[in-house]
Amino acid sequence: LTQSAQTLTGDVSLVADRDGYLRVFAVASEANSLQPAVRVEFYQGASLVHTELITSPGSAVPTAVDESSLSYSWNVAVDGSLIQPGLSILAEVDPSDLIAEANEGDNLFPASGTPQALDVRSLGSFEVTFVPVRQSAKSLLGNVTAGNASQFMDVTMRMLPVAQADVLVHAEYVTTTLDPLQSDNANHAWSTILSEVRALRTIEGSSRYYYGVVKTDYSSGVAGMGYLGLAAAIGWDRLPSGSGVAAHEWGHNFNLRHAPGCGAGNPDPLYPHADGKIGVWGLDLTTMNLKDPGTYYDFMTYCGPDWISDYFYSKILDYRDTYGSMGTPGQPEPSLLIWGRVDGDRIILEPAFKVVTTPSLPGGRGPYTLRGENADGSSLFSFAFEPTPVADGHEGEGHFA
């Protein structure tokens, strides 16, 4: 049962309320011209809740499992309402026993006749706030509106473990940097705008994923930037490519490093598939196009064509299951925003602001220290912290807010 990427043994967990596609691979012991039906029973706990009788997709039963064509398996679309915690499935070939076989005892899966329990997770909605960013340098405004926001979500909704999205479009934000965005980020303008979007999220005390949308005057080069494990990123407004850029940057927000491929820096050393390929057959349920593991690269490489691997699908699912929203509990109160960037051997401290928001204190560990002093030099507070890594930034770059 796949929702985007799945191993043949079904190791990838499922997302509750997200549509899926069931493939049943029946095999015969010799060449034939048989066309048996397959019955699939869906259970919630001990209760049978749904049954499907699937007719033969071809003119014969294959003699080996072959995932490369949907015509080689007995298939049925599964509505997300059926995919809930507690789901189990039982499949049977030739349930009416219409075909004489040498062995009538191997037509069930699982063979024990006990429905196979599936790991289904309830993850909640993916809450996104798009921020149209106007650049002071050239007065370029990122084109994201209530009318086109769904286009930026397209790749994410088809590929990532997300069942529902709650999407808002923020009021226009004017960046303070006078440097224009450059295709190689030589002037660090991409980094500056990313840190401002992160600071905006901090000021507003939000638990949502903030995604700044920018307009560039170039069509090739840096297209997005995001934090590792923190819910803020930015990307260009060129559609449809901007949808894939958003999915990639949210992958970083879900704490994914790159997959190795086409020059992507700082790859995940545990990525299991050679050359950054996806490793398993993928399926786009919107177009019903299969994704060949010999051709498709993981979306966290810089290669194409791309889809998502079982490895990164599972890592995102586990991350969302563990962390849920990324907000800070508590009530708004008078606070001081301290924010900036570490870039190489430089620490850039931006102007501090008095704001009313939910305070967010440093974690208390790391090689840097934030210290506040009284007028007489006595210490008011001191916090150790680790700047948040910028996945597509310069070597060693990190931001804090």
Protein backbone atom coordinates (compact mmCIF):
# COMPACT_ATOMS: atom_id res chain seq x y z
CA LEU A 1 0.00 0.00 0.00
CA THR A 2 1.79 3.13 -1.21
CA GLN A 3 1.05 6.82 -0.81
CA SER A 4 4.16 7.99 -2.67
CA ALA A 5 7.08 5.65 -1.95
CA GLN A 6 7.00 2.11 -0.60
CA THR A 7 9.22 -0.94 -0.34
CA LEU A 8 8.03 -4.26 -1.70
CA THR A 9 7.89 -5.55 1.88
CA GLY A 10 5.80 -2.57 3.05
CA ASP A 11 8.35 -1.07 5.45
CA VAL A 12 7.28 2.55 4.92
CA SER A 13 4.66 3.76 7.41
CA LEU A 14 1.47 5.40 6.19
CA VAL A 15 -0.16 8.77 6.89
CA ALA A 16 -3.74 8.77 8.15
CA ASP A 17 -6.31 10.40 5.84
CA ARG A 18 -3.91 10.45 2.87
CA ASP A 19 -5.10 8.54 -0.21
CA GLY A 20 -3.17 5.43 -1.14
CA TYR A 21 -2.88 2.82 -3.85
CA LEU A 22 -2.84 -0.91 -3.19
CA ARG A 23 -0.92 -3.27 -5.47
CA VAL A 24 -1.35 -7.02 -5.03
CA PHE A 25 1.29 -9.13 -6.79
CA ALA A 26 -0.05 -12.58 -7.64
CA VAL A 27 2.39 -15.00 -9.27
CA ALA A 28 1.97 -18.37 -10.98
CA SER A 29 4.37 -21.30 -11.08
CA GLU A 30 4.28 -21.59 -14.86
CA ALA A 31 3.21 -19.76 -18.00
CA ASN A 32 -0.57 -19.50 -18.29
CA SER A 33 -3.55 -17.65 -19.70
CA LEU A 34 -5.44 -17.39 -16.42
CA GLN A 35 -7.29 -14.30 -15.18
CA PRO A 36 -8.21 -14.82 -11.52
CA ALA A 37 -9.80 -12.14 -9.36
CA VAL A 38 -8.24 -10.91 -6.12
CA ARG A 39 -10.31 -10.09 -3.06
CA VAL A 40 -8.96 -7.57 -0.57
CA GLU A 41 -10.48 -7.12 2.89
CA PHE A 42 -9.83 -4.05 5.03
CA TYR A 43 -10.16 -4.37 8.80
CA GLN A 44 -10.24 -1.89 11.65
CA GLY A 45 -9.23 -3.92 14.65
CA ALA A 46 -11.30 -7.10 14.39
CA SER A 47 -14.03 -5.49 12.28
CA LEU A 48 -14.26 -5.92 8.50
CA VAL A 49 -14.94 -2.39 7.19
CA HIS A 50 -14.45 -2.66 3.43
CA THR A 51 -14.01 -5.27 0.68
CA GLU A 52 -12.73 -4.91 -2.88
CA LEU A 53 -12.94 -7.54 -5.62
CA ILE A 54 -10.29 -6.73 -8.23
CA THR A 55 -10.52 -8.21 -11.70
CA SER A 56 -7.44 -9.40 -13.55
CA PRO A 57 -5.43 -6.52 -15.06
CA GLY A 58 -4.00 -8.64 -17.89
CA SER A 59 -4.34 -11.78 -19.96
CA ALA A 60 -2.25 -13.99 -17.65
CA VAL A 61 -0.84 -14.28 -14.15
CA PRO A 62 2.84 -13.19 -14.12
CA THR A 63 5.43 -15.77 -13.10
CA ALA A 64 7.48 -13.22 -11.12
CA VAL A 65 6.89 -10.00 -9.22
CA ASP A 66 7.49 -7.01 -11.47
CA GLU A 67 6.78 -3.48 -10.18
CA SER A 68 7.59 -1.71 -13.45
CA SER A 69 4.01 -1.61 -14.77
CA LEU A 70 0.65 -1.29 -13.08
CA SER A 71 -0.63 -3.97 -15.47
CA TYR A 72 1.51 -6.55 -13.64
CA SER A 73 -0.45 -6.26 -10.37
CA TRP A 74 -4.04 -6.25 -9.11
CA ASN A 75 -4.67 -2.66 -8.09
CA VAL A 76 -7.18 -0.53 -6.26
CA ALA A 77 -7.22 3.10 -5.14
CA VAL A 78 -7.72 3.36 -1.38
CA ASP A 79 -9.50 6.40 0.00
CA GLY A 80 -7.75 8.19 2.84
CA SER A 81 -10.78 7.63 5.06
CA LEU A 82 -9.85 3.92 5.18
CA ILE A 83 -6.21 4.58 6.02
CA GLN A 84 -6.42 5.04 9.78
CA PRO A 85 -4.51 3.74 12.81
CA GLY A 86 -5.58 0.15 13.44
CA LEU A 87 -5.83 -0.75 9.73
CA SER A 88 -5.01 -4.28 8.60
CA ILE A 89 -5.43 -5.95 5.20
CA LEU A 90 -5.99 -9.49 3.93
CA ALA A 91 -5.68 -10.42 0.24
CA GLU A 92 -6.78 -13.63 -1.49
CA VAL A 93 -6.22 -14.77 -5.07
CA ASP A 94 -9.09 -16.68 -6.72
CA PRO A 95 -11.37 -16.30 -3.68
CA SER A 96 -14.22 -18.24 -5.36
CA ASP A 97 -11.86 -21.15 -6.13
CA LEU A 98 -12.66 -21.11 -9.84
CA ILE A 99 -9.18 -22.19 -10.97
CA ALA A 100 -7.74 -25.66 -10.37
CA GLU A 101 -4.28 -25.42 -8.81
CA ALA A 102 -1.63 -27.89 -7.74
CA ASN A 103 -1.48 -26.04 -4.41
CA GLU A 104 -4.69 -24.42 -3.19
CA GLY A 105 -3.08 -23.45 0.12
CA ASP A 106 -0.95 -20.52 -0.97
CA ASN A 107 -3.55 -18.03 -2.16
CA LEU A 108 -3.72 -15.89 0.98
CA PHE A 109 -1.53 -13.01 2.09
CA PRO A 110 -0.57 -13.13 4.85
CA ALA A 111 -0.42 -16.92 4.53
CA SER A 112 -1.68 -17.34 8.10
CA GLY A 113 -5.01 -15.81 7.15
CA THR A 114 -4.58 -13.12 9.82
CA PRO A 115 -4.84 -9.63 8.26
CA GLN A 116 -1.54 -7.77 8.09
CA ALA A 117 -1.41 -4.83 10.49
CA LEU A 118 -0.12 -1.59 8.99
CA ASP A 119 1.65 1.26 10.77
CA VAL A 120 -0.57 4.31 10.18
CA ARG A 121 0.34 7.67 11.80
CA SER A 122 -1.96 10.62 12.47
CA LEU A 123 0.22 13.67 11.82
CA GLY A 124 -2.12 16.64 11.77
CA SER A 125 -2.20 19.42 9.22
CA PHE A 126 0.92 20.94 7.65
CA GLU A 127 0.55 24.62 8.54
CA VAL A 128 2.23 26.96 6.05
CA THR A 129 2.39 30.75 5.94
CA PHE A 130 3.62 32.17 2.65
CA VAL A 131 5.29 35.57 2.96
CA PRO A 132 5.52 37.67 -0.24
CA VAL A 133 8.87 39.46 0.05
CA ARG A 134 9.53 42.82 -1.59
CA GLN A 135 13.19 43.59 -2.20
CA SER A 136 14.13 47.16 -1.48
CA ALA A 137 16.97 47.08 -4.01
CA LYS A 138 14.81 46.64 -7.13
CA SER A 139 11.27 46.71 -5.70
CA LEU A 140 10.75 43.13 -6.88
CA LEU A 141 7.80 41.45 -5.13
CA GLY A 142 7.50 37.68 -4.80
CA ASN A 143 4.34 36.58 -6.57
CA VAL A 144 2.42 34.46 -4.08
CA THR A 145 -1.27 35.09 -3.49
CA ALA A 146 -4.34 33.30 -2.22
CA GLY A 147 -5.04 32.53 -5.86
CA ASN A 148 -1.77 30.72 -6.65
CA ALA A 149 -0.60 29.44 -3.25
CA SER A 150 -1.89 25.94 -4.05
CA GLN A 151 0.54 25.78 -6.99
CA PHE A 152 3.45 26.18 -4.58
CA MET A 153 2.01 23.26 -2.56
CA ASP A 154 1.55 20.92 -5.53
CA VAL A 155 4.76 18.85 -5.37
CA THR A 156 4.63 18.65 -1.57
CA MET A 157 1.07 17.35 -1.54
CA ARG A 158 1.81 14.74 -4.22
CA MET A 159 5.16 13.54 -2.88
CA LEU A 160 5.69 14.17 0.85
CA PRO A 161 3.94 12.49 3.82
CA VAL A 162 1.33 15.24 4.15
CA ALA A 163 -2.41 14.54 4.16
CA GLN A 164 -3.79 18.04 4.73
CA ALA A 165 -2.30 21.52 4.50
CA ASP A 166 -3.51 24.71 6.17
CA VAL A 167 -2.20 27.53 3.96
CA LEU A 168 -2.19 31.27 4.69
CA VAL A 169 -0.68 34.18 2.77
CA HIS A 170 0.94 36.83 4.95
CA ALA A 171 0.91 40.56 4.28
CA GLU A 172 3.76 41.80 2.10
CA TYR A 173 7.11 41.99 3.88
CA VAL A 174 9.73 44.55 2.76
CA THR A 175 13.27 43.32 3.32
CA THR A 176 15.77 45.75 4.81
CA THR A 177 18.71 44.59 2.70
CA LEU A 178 19.67 46.81 -0.22
CA ASP A 179 21.62 43.98 -1.87
CA PRO A 180 19.82 42.29 -4.80
CA LEU A 181 19.47 38.52 -4.89
CA GLN A 182 22.32 36.98 -6.90
CA SER A 183 22.40 33.61 -8.62
CA ASP A 184 25.47 32.54 -6.60
CA ASN A 185 24.51 34.35 -3.36
CA ALA A 186 27.93 36.03 -3.42
CA ASN A 187 26.58 39.05 -1.55
CA HIS A 188 24.73 36.90 1.04
CA ALA A 189 21.38 38.55 0.21
CA TRP A 190 19.62 35.17 0.24
CA SER A 191 20.94 34.59 3.76
CA THR A 192 19.87 38.03 4.93
CA ILE A 193 16.31 37.62 3.69
CA LEU A 194 16.07 34.12 5.18
CA SER A 195 17.15 35.46 8.57
CA GLU A 196 14.53 38.22 8.32
CA VAL A 197 11.76 35.72 7.58
CA ARG A 198 12.91 33.66 10.56
CA ALA A 199 12.91 36.79 12.74
CA LEU A 200 9.41 37.67 11.49
CA ARG A 201 8.17 34.24 12.56
CA THR A 202 9.84 34.69 15.96
CA ILE A 203 8.32 38.14 16.47
CA GLU A 204 4.86 36.81 15.62
CA GLY A 205 5.27 33.86 17.99
CA SER A 206 4.03 31.48 15.33
CA SER A 207 4.17 27.68 15.24
CA ARG A 208 3.62 27.66 11.47
CA TYR A 209 6.13 27.00 8.70
CA TYR A 210 7.05 30.42 7.28
CA TYR A 211 8.03 30.40 3.61
CA GLY A 212 9.23 33.65 2.07
CA VAL A 213 8.57 33.95 -1.66
CA VAL A 214 10.99 36.14 -3.63
CA LYS A 215 11.30 37.26 -7.22
CA THR A 216 14.64 36.99 -9.00
CA ASP A 217 15.83 38.67 -12.17
CA TYR A 218 17.69 35.50 -13.18
CA SER A 219 16.37 32.06 -14.18
CA SER A 220 19.27 29.80 -13.21
CA GLY A 221 21.15 29.62 -9.94
CA VAL A 222 20.20 29.71 -6.27
CA ALA A 223 16.42 29.16 -6.08
CA GLY A 224 15.82 28.56 -2.39
CA MET A 225 17.31 28.37 1.08
CA GLY A 226 16.09 26.85 4.34
CA TYR A 227 17.08 25.87 7.84
CA LEU A 228 17.84 22.39 9.07
CA GLY A 229 15.21 21.46 11.63
CA LEU A 230 13.56 24.87 11.94
CA ALA A 231 10.34 25.97 10.27
CA ALA A 232 11.49 28.81 8.02
CA ALA A 233 12.67 28.89 4.41
CA ILE A 234 12.56 31.04 1.28
CA GLY A 235 12.32 30.29 -2.44
CA TRP A 236 11.71 31.92 -5.78
CA ASP A 237 8.29 32.47 -7.33
CA ARG A 238 8.99 30.84 -10.69
CA LEU A 239 6.27 28.25 -11.21
CA PRO A 240 6.07 25.36 -11.69
CA SER A 241 9.70 24.92 -10.55
CA GLY A 242 8.97 26.95 -7.42
CA SER A 243 6.76 24.11 -6.16
CA GLY A 244 9.68 21.66 -6.24
CA VAL A 245 11.95 24.26 -4.62
CA ALA A 246 9.47 24.64 -1.77
CA ALA A 247 9.31 20.86 -1.24
CA HIS A 248 13.13 20.71 -1.16
CA GLU A 249 13.42 23.54 1.39
CA TRP A 250 10.70 22.05 3.59
CA GLY A 251 12.70 18.83 3.43
CA HIS A 252 15.51 20.76 5.12
CA ASN A 253 13.04 22.17 7.65
CA PHE A 254 12.12 18.53 8.40
CA ASN A 255 15.82 18.09 9.23
CA LEU A 256 16.87 16.36 6.01
CA ARG A 257 20.34 16.91 4.65
CA HIS A 258 20.95 16.46 0.94
CA ALA A 259 21.03 13.13 -0.81
CA PRO A 260 24.32 12.69 -2.67
CA GLY A 261 24.00 13.76 -6.29
CA CYS A 262 24.87 16.50 -8.78
CA GLY A 263 27.02 18.51 -6.41
CA ALA A 264 24.62 18.76 -3.45
CA GLY A 265 26.74 19.72 -0.47
CA ASN A 266 26.81 18.16 3.00
CA PRO A 267 24.89 14.97 2.06
CA ASP A 268 23.42 12.55 4.58
CA PRO A 269 26.21 9.98 5.16
CA LEU A 270 23.61 7.28 5.88
CA TYR A 271 21.68 7.72 2.62
CA PRO A 272 21.29 4.10 1.49
CA HIS A 273 20.86 4.28 -2.29
CA ALA A 274 23.69 4.72 -4.79
CA ASP A 275 24.10 8.02 -6.64
CA GLY A 276 21.20 9.63 -4.76
CA LYS A 277 18.61 7.51 -6.60
CA ILE A 278 15.24 6.83 -4.93
CA GLY A 279 15.97 3.12 -4.45
CA VAL A 280 12.35 1.89 -4.66
CA TRP A 281 9.48 2.28 -7.09
CA GLY A 282 7.54 5.47 -6.48
CA LEU A 283 4.03 6.36 -7.60
CA ASP A 284 2.43 9.75 -8.22
CA LEU A 285 -1.23 9.18 -7.35
CA THR A 286 -2.26 12.37 -9.15
CA THR A 287 -0.93 11.30 -12.55
CA MET A 288 -0.60 7.54 -11.84
CA ASN A 289 2.97 7.70 -13.16
CA LEU A 290 5.41 5.15 -11.76
CA LYS A 291 8.86 6.43 -10.74
CA ASP A 292 11.65 4.09 -11.82
CA PRO A 293 14.35 3.71 -9.13
CA GLY A 294 16.93 3.35 -11.88
CA THR A 295 16.01 6.73 -13.37
CA TYR A 296 14.69 8.98 -10.59
CA TYR A 297 16.82 10.79 -8.03
CA ASP A 298 15.72 11.80 -4.57
CA PHE A 299 14.27 15.31 -4.39
CA MET A 300 16.99 16.29 -1.90
CA THR A 301 19.68 16.01 -4.58
CA TYR A 302 20.28 18.63 -7.27
CA CYS A 303 19.56 16.02 -9.97
CA GLY A 304 16.53 15.35 -12.13
CA PRO A 305 14.12 13.81 -12.73
CA ASP A 306 13.32 13.53 -9.06
CA TRP A 307 10.90 11.91 -6.65
CA ILE A 308 11.16 10.91 -3.00
CA SER A 309 13.01 7.85 -1.67
CA ASP A 310 11.62 5.49 0.93
CA TYR A 311 14.46 6.61 3.22
CA PHE A 312 13.61 10.31 3.22
CA TYR A 313 9.84 9.69 3.15
CA SER A 314 10.23 7.73 6.39
CA LYS A 315 12.53 10.33 7.95
CA ILE A 316 10.05 13.15 7.25
CA LEU A 317 7.18 11.07 8.59
CA ASP A 318 9.10 10.29 11.78
CA TYR A 319 10.11 13.96 12.19
CA ARG A 320 6.55 15.23 11.81
CA ASP A 321 5.28 12.50 14.12
CA THR A 322 7.85 13.42 16.79
CA TYR A 323 7.80 17.20 16.66
CA GLY A 324 4.38 18.12 15.28
CA SER A 325 4.10 21.90 15.21
CA MET A 326 7.20 23.89 16.04
CA GLY A 327 5.67 26.59 18.21
CA THR A 328 6.72 27.82 21.61
CA PRO A 329 4.09 27.31 24.32
CA GLY A 330 3.19 30.24 26.50
CA GLN A 331 1.52 33.63 26.42
CA PRO A 332 2.77 36.78 24.65
CA GLU A 333 4.63 39.21 26.89
CA PRO A 334 7.06 42.13 26.51
CA SER A 335 10.20 40.63 24.98
CA LEU A 336 13.46 41.56 23.32
CA LEU A 337 14.30 40.14 19.88
CA ILE A 338 18.01 39.34 19.55
CA TRP A 339 18.85 38.02 16.10
CA GLY A 340 21.64 37.68 13.60
CA ARG A 341 23.94 35.35 11.72
CA VAL A 342 27.21 33.50 12.03
CA ASP A 343 29.00 33.35 8.68
CA GLY A 344 32.53 32.01 8.61
CA ASP A 345 34.56 34.02 11.11
CA ARG A 346 31.95 36.80 11.36
CA ILE A 347 29.08 37.29 13.77
CA ILE A 348 26.46 39.68 12.39
CA LEU A 349 24.23 41.08 15.13
CA GLU A 350 21.12 42.75 13.75
CA PRO A 351 19.35 45.63 15.56
CA ALA A 352 17.42 44.43 18.62
CA PHE A 353 13.70 45.13 18.96
CA LYS A 354 11.30 45.38 21.87
CA VAL A 355 8.27 43.28 20.90
CA VAL A 356 5.27 41.65 22.52
CA THR A 357 5.40 37.95 21.65
CA THR A 358 5.90 34.47 23.09
CA PRO A 359 9.50 34.34 24.33
CA SER A 360 11.81 31.76 22.76
CA LEU A 361 14.99 31.20 24.75
CA PRO A 362 18.21 29.56 23.47
CA GLY A 363 18.60 25.86 24.10
CA GLY A 364 21.39 26.26 26.65
CA ARG A 365 24.07 24.34 24.73
CA GLY A 366 26.50 25.30 21.98
CA PRO A 367 29.77 27.12 21.28
CA TYR A 368 28.25 30.64 21.40
CA THR A 369 27.00 32.66 24.37
CA LEU A 370 24.35 35.34 24.50
CA ARG A 371 25.02 37.52 27.55
CA GLY A 372 23.13 40.58 28.78
CA GLU A 373 24.81 43.04 31.13
CA ASN A 374 23.61 45.80 33.36
CA ALA A 375 24.95 49.35 33.07
CA ASP A 376 27.53 48.56 35.77
CA GLY A 377 28.73 45.48 33.88
CA SER A 378 27.03 42.92 36.09
CA SER A 379 25.40 39.97 34.34
CA LEU A 380 21.64 39.97 33.81
CA PHE A 381 21.43 36.72 31.86
CA SER A 382 23.61 34.29 29.98
CA PHE A 383 22.62 31.55 27.53
CA ALA A 384 24.75 29.17 25.48
CA PHE A 385 23.38 28.49 22.01
CA GLU A 386 24.01 26.79 18.68
CA PRO A 387 23.13 28.77 15.53
CA THR A 388 20.60 26.99 13.31
CA PRO A 389 22.41 25.54 10.26
CA VAL A 390 21.47 26.87 6.82
CA ALA A 391 21.32 23.87 4.52
CA ASP A 392 22.07 25.69 1.26
CA GLY A 393 24.12 28.51 2.76
CA HIS A 394 27.84 29.15 2.94
CA GLU A 395 30.15 26.72 4.73
CA GLY A 396 29.50 26.89 8.47
CA GLU A 397 26.68 29.41 8.14
CA GLY A 398 24.09 29.52 10.93
CA HIS A 399 21.41 31.96 12.10
CA PHE A 400 19.83 32.77 15.46
CA ALA A 401 16.71 34.60 16.66
